[in-house]
Protein backbone atom coordinates (compact mmCIF):
# COMPACT_ATOMS: atom_id res chain seq x y z
CA MET A 1 9.83 -30.50 5.00
CA VAL A 2 7.68 -27.36 5.04
CA GLN A 3 9.62 -24.10 5.13
CA VAL A 4 8.01 -21.27 7.11
CA ILE A 5 9.11 -17.72 6.24
CA GLN A 6 8.09 -14.47 7.90
CA GLY A 7 6.58 -11.96 5.49
CA LYS A 8 9.14 -9.33 6.43
CA ASP A 9 11.95 -11.67 5.33
CA ILE A 10 10.60 -12.67 1.90
CA THR A 11 12.32 -11.48 -1.25
CA LEU A 12 10.81 -10.55 -4.59
CA ALA A 13 12.82 -13.34 -6.23
CA GLN A 14 11.23 -15.89 -3.90
CA LEU A 15 7.74 -14.64 -4.75
CA ILE A 16 8.51 -14.93 -8.46
CA ASP A 17 9.97 -18.43 -8.13
CA GLN A 18 7.47 -19.94 -5.73
CA PHE A 19 4.21 -18.17 -6.57
CA GLY A 20 4.65 -17.42 -10.28
CA LEU A 21 4.37 -13.67 -9.68
CA GLU A 22 4.96 -11.54 -12.78
CA ARG A 23 5.50 -7.82 -13.26
CA ALA A 24 3.09 -6.32 -15.79
CA ASP A 25 4.86 -4.61 -18.69
CA ASN A 26 1.72 -3.05 -20.16
CA GLU A 27 1.43 0.60 -19.09
CA GLN A 28 -2.36 0.28 -19.27
CA PHE A 29 -2.33 -2.25 -16.42
CA PHE A 30 -2.12 0.36 -13.67
CA LEU A 31 -3.82 3.56 -14.81
CA GLU A 32 -5.72 4.07 -11.57
CA TRP A 33 -2.90 6.09 -10.03
CA GLN A 34 -2.52 8.39 -13.06
CA GLN A 35 -5.90 9.08 -14.65
CA ASP A 36 -9.06 10.88 -13.54
CA LEU A 37 -7.60 12.03 -10.24
CA PRO A 38 -9.91 14.33 -8.25
CA GLU A 39 -9.07 17.90 -7.29
CA LEU A 40 -8.43 18.79 -3.66
CA SER A 41 -10.13 21.61 -1.82
CA ASP A 42 -8.11 24.50 -0.41
CA LEU A 43 -8.78 23.16 3.09
CA GLU A 44 -7.46 19.72 2.13
CA LYS A 45 -4.34 21.26 0.62
CA GLN A 46 -3.79 23.29 3.78
CA SER A 47 -4.13 20.14 5.91
CA LEU A 48 -1.55 18.34 3.78
CA ASN A 49 0.83 21.27 3.96
CA GLU A 50 0.56 21.03 7.75
CA VAL A 51 1.30 17.29 7.61
CA LYS A 52 4.38 18.03 5.53
CA ALA A 53 5.59 20.76 7.91
CA GLU A 54 5.04 18.55 10.96
CA TYR A 55 6.92 15.64 9.43
CA LEU A 56 9.86 17.79 8.38
CA HIS A 57 10.03 19.29 11.86
CA LEU A 58 9.97 15.89 13.58
CA SER A 59 12.47 14.36 11.12
CA ARG A 60 15.30 16.28 12.77
CA TYR A 61 15.40 13.19 14.99
CA GLN A 62 14.91 9.52 14.15
CA ILE A 63 11.32 8.77 13.13
CA LEU A 64 10.16 5.25 13.94
CA GLU A 65 7.32 3.37 12.26
CA PRO A 66 4.61 4.22 14.86
CA VAL A 67 5.38 7.92 14.41
CA VAL A 68 5.15 7.58 10.60
CA LYS A 69 1.68 6.06 11.05
CA MET A 70 0.54 8.75 13.47
CA VAL A 71 1.94 11.84 11.73
CA VAL A 72 1.61 10.94 8.05
CA LEU A 73 -0.59 7.88 7.46
CA SER A 74 -3.48 8.71 9.77
CA PRO A 75 -4.29 12.16 8.33
CA ILE A 76 -3.95 11.17 4.68
CA LEU A 77 -6.15 8.09 5.08
CA ARG A 78 -8.73 10.31 6.76
CA LEU A 79 -8.56 12.91 3.97
CA ALA A 80 -8.95 10.11 1.41
CA GLY A 81 -12.22 9.05 3.05
CA PHE A 82 -11.16 5.63 4.31
CA TYR A 83 -12.53 6.25 7.81
CA GLN A 84 -16.05 6.67 6.42
CA PRO A 85 -18.64 4.20 5.06
CA PRO A 86 -18.38 1.81 3.28
CA PHE A 87 -14.80 1.27 4.48
CA TYR A 88 -13.38 -0.29 7.62
CA ILE A 89 -9.86 -0.39 9.04
CA ALA A 90 -8.01 -3.32 10.62
CA SER A 91 -4.52 -3.29 12.10
CA GLU A 92 -2.00 -6.11 12.47
CA GLU A 93 -4.20 -8.46 10.45
CA GLU A 94 -2.55 -11.89 10.37
CA VAL A 95 -2.13 -13.54 6.98
CA ARG A 96 -0.73 -16.81 5.68
CA ILE A 97 -0.08 -18.04 2.15
CA SER A 98 1.43 -21.26 0.86
CA SER A 99 3.04 -22.21 -2.43
CA GLU A 100 1.17 -24.58 -4.77
CA ASP A 101 3.14 -27.59 -3.54
CA GLU A 102 2.74 -26.27 0.02
CA GLY A 103 6.48 -26.57 0.50
CA THR A 104 6.68 -22.95 1.62
CA ILE A 105 4.40 -21.10 4.03
CA ILE A 106 4.69 -17.35 4.53
CA ARG A 107 3.22 -15.70 7.60
CA GLY A 108 2.98 -12.06 8.55
CA ARG A 109 0.86 -9.20 9.81
CA ILE A 110 -0.46 -6.33 7.71
CA ASP A 111 0.25 -2.92 9.23
CA ILE A 112 -3.10 -1.47 8.14
CA LEU A 113 -5.82 -3.10 6.07
CA VAL A 114 -8.62 -1.05 4.51
CA PHE A 115 -11.52 -3.26 3.53
CA HIS A 116 -15.06 -3.07 2.17
CA PRO A 117 -16.68 -6.33 3.32
CA PRO A 118 -15.99 -8.86 2.03
CA PHE A 119 -13.26 -7.35 -0.17
CA TRP A 120 -9.80 -6.10 0.65
CA VAL A 121 -9.34 -2.61 -0.75
CA LEU A 122 -5.93 -1.40 0.34
CA VAL A 123 -2.93 -2.94 2.07
CA VAL A 124 -0.84 -0.29 3.85
CA GLU A 125 2.77 -1.02 4.77
CA ALA A 126 4.74 1.55 6.76
CA LYS A 127 8.48 1.57 7.47
CA ARG A 128 10.71 3.72 9.63
CA ALA A 129 11.95 6.87 7.95
CA GLU A 130 15.45 5.72 7.06
CA TYR A 131 14.26 2.57 5.26
CA SER A 132 14.06 2.37 1.49
CA LEU A 133 10.66 1.55 0.03
CA GLU A 134 12.28 -1.42 -1.71
CA VAL A 135 12.18 -3.39 1.54
CA ALA A 136 8.39 -2.90 1.74
CA ILE A 137 7.47 -3.92 -1.83
CA SER A 138 7.91 -7.69 -1.45
CA GLN A 139 6.30 -7.63 2.00
CA ALA A 140 3.24 -5.78 0.68
CA LEU A 141 3.00 -8.21 -2.26
CA VAL A 142 2.96 -11.16 0.16
CA TYR A 143 -0.06 -9.70 1.92
CA MET A 144 -1.76 -8.85 -1.37
CA LEU A 145 -1.30 -12.44 -2.57
CA ALA A 146 -3.06 -13.56 0.61
CA ASN A 147 -6.19 -11.59 -0.33
CA PRO A 148 -9.01 -14.18 -0.37
CA GLY A 149 -10.74 -12.50 -3.31
CA ASN A 150 -9.47 -13.28 -6.80
CA ASP A 151 -11.92 -11.38 -8.99
CA LYS A 152 -10.97 -7.82 -8.04
CA PRO A 153 -7.55 -6.14 -8.02
CA THR A 154 -5.89 -5.36 -4.70
CA PHE A 155 -3.93 -2.17 -4.13
CA ALA A 156 -1.12 -1.44 -1.70
CA PHE A 157 0.26 1.81 -0.39
CA ILE A 158 3.77 1.80 1.05
CA THR A 159 5.54 4.65 2.79
CA ASN A 160 8.46 5.51 5.03
CA GLY A 161 6.88 8.88 5.82
CA ARG A 162 8.96 10.75 3.26
CA GLU A 163 8.39 8.60 0.16
CA PHE A 164 5.25 6.92 -1.15
CA GLN A 165 4.49 4.23 -3.73
CA PHE A 166 1.38 2.39 -4.93
CA ILE A 167 1.14 -1.24 -6.05
CA LYS A 168 -1.60 -3.01 -8.00
CA LEU A 169 -2.01 -6.79 -8.05
CA THR A 170 -4.40 -9.02 -9.99
CA LYS A 171 -4.66 -12.76 -9.38
CA GLN A 172 -6.69 -14.09 -12.31
CA ASP A 173 -4.70 -17.02 -13.76
CA THR A 174 -1.17 -15.65 -13.27
CA PRO A 175 -0.63 -13.15 -10.42
CA ARG A 176 0.62 -9.87 -11.94
CA TYR A 177 1.66 -6.61 -10.33
CA ALA A 178 2.77 -3.09 -11.25
CA LEU A 179 4.24 -0.16 -9.35
CA SER A 180 3.59 3.55 -9.50
CA TYR A 181 6.42 6.04 -9.60
CA THR A 182 7.89 6.90 -6.22
CA LEU A 183 6.31 10.08 -4.88
CA SER A 184 8.19 12.24 -2.39
CA LEU A 185 7.09 14.56 0.38
CA ASN A 186 10.08 16.73 -0.54
CA ARG A 187 9.03 17.19 -4.17
CA GLY A 188 6.50 19.89 -4.99
CA ASP A 189 2.92 18.81 -4.42
CA ASP A 190 3.57 15.06 -4.47
CA LEU A 191 1.82 14.67 -1.12
CA HIS A 192 -1.28 16.19 -2.73
CA THR A 193 -0.97 13.59 -5.51
CA VAL A 194 -0.79 10.79 -2.93
CA VAL A 195 -4.16 11.80 -1.48
CA LYS A 196 -5.65 12.27 -4.96
CA VAL A 197 -4.69 8.69 -5.83
CA LEU A 198 -6.13 7.38 -2.57
CA LYS A 199 -9.35 9.29 -3.22
CA ARG A 200 -9.48 7.83 -6.73
CA LEU A 201 -9.11 4.28 -5.40
CA ALA A 202 -11.84 4.94 -2.82
CA TYR A 203 -14.14 6.24 -5.56
CA LEU A 204 -13.54 3.19 -7.77
CA VAL A 205 -14.40 0.83 -4.92
CA ARG A 206 -17.54 2.74 -3.97
CA ASN A 207 -18.75 2.63 -7.56
CA SER A 208 -17.65 -0.87 -8.55
């Protein structure tokens, strides 16, 4: 009997058991979020400081996922250049993956997908403010595993508005992934770093 699981309900343990997913131990596996990051202009820094101030103001009350997307995600994706050629944006993209024996099917919808036809560039998963990023990691990995291209890495960006984390996945032979450190809107210039990493990923795709 085929088991159908919603992407939001999948666990990391299930992905490891049923899809052979492995975490990469080599620190060299995911250097894209640490090396050769671009500098931001004063205007870009000012824009990000405004995003931070707006979020902190609004967070006096409960912030739901649509507000996280509007207040935080939209401006940083714009600053990173993902609304400009050669990139396109899709929302609520439906995906489906099945285990090798096809005993398990996982279905779900990607919050935001940045793509450069025909390749997926970035899977974005947003959660409401009080959620831990842990709940988004396995869900993002499901969608990354569904990427139809196997020859290029896929990246994910997960956020609850206050915290941010990047994921890299490769699917050659054994699917392997790695995580960045958790960056925080409350810590120094971490929000600046988030946009620097996004800009770096955009640059790598444009020049690949």
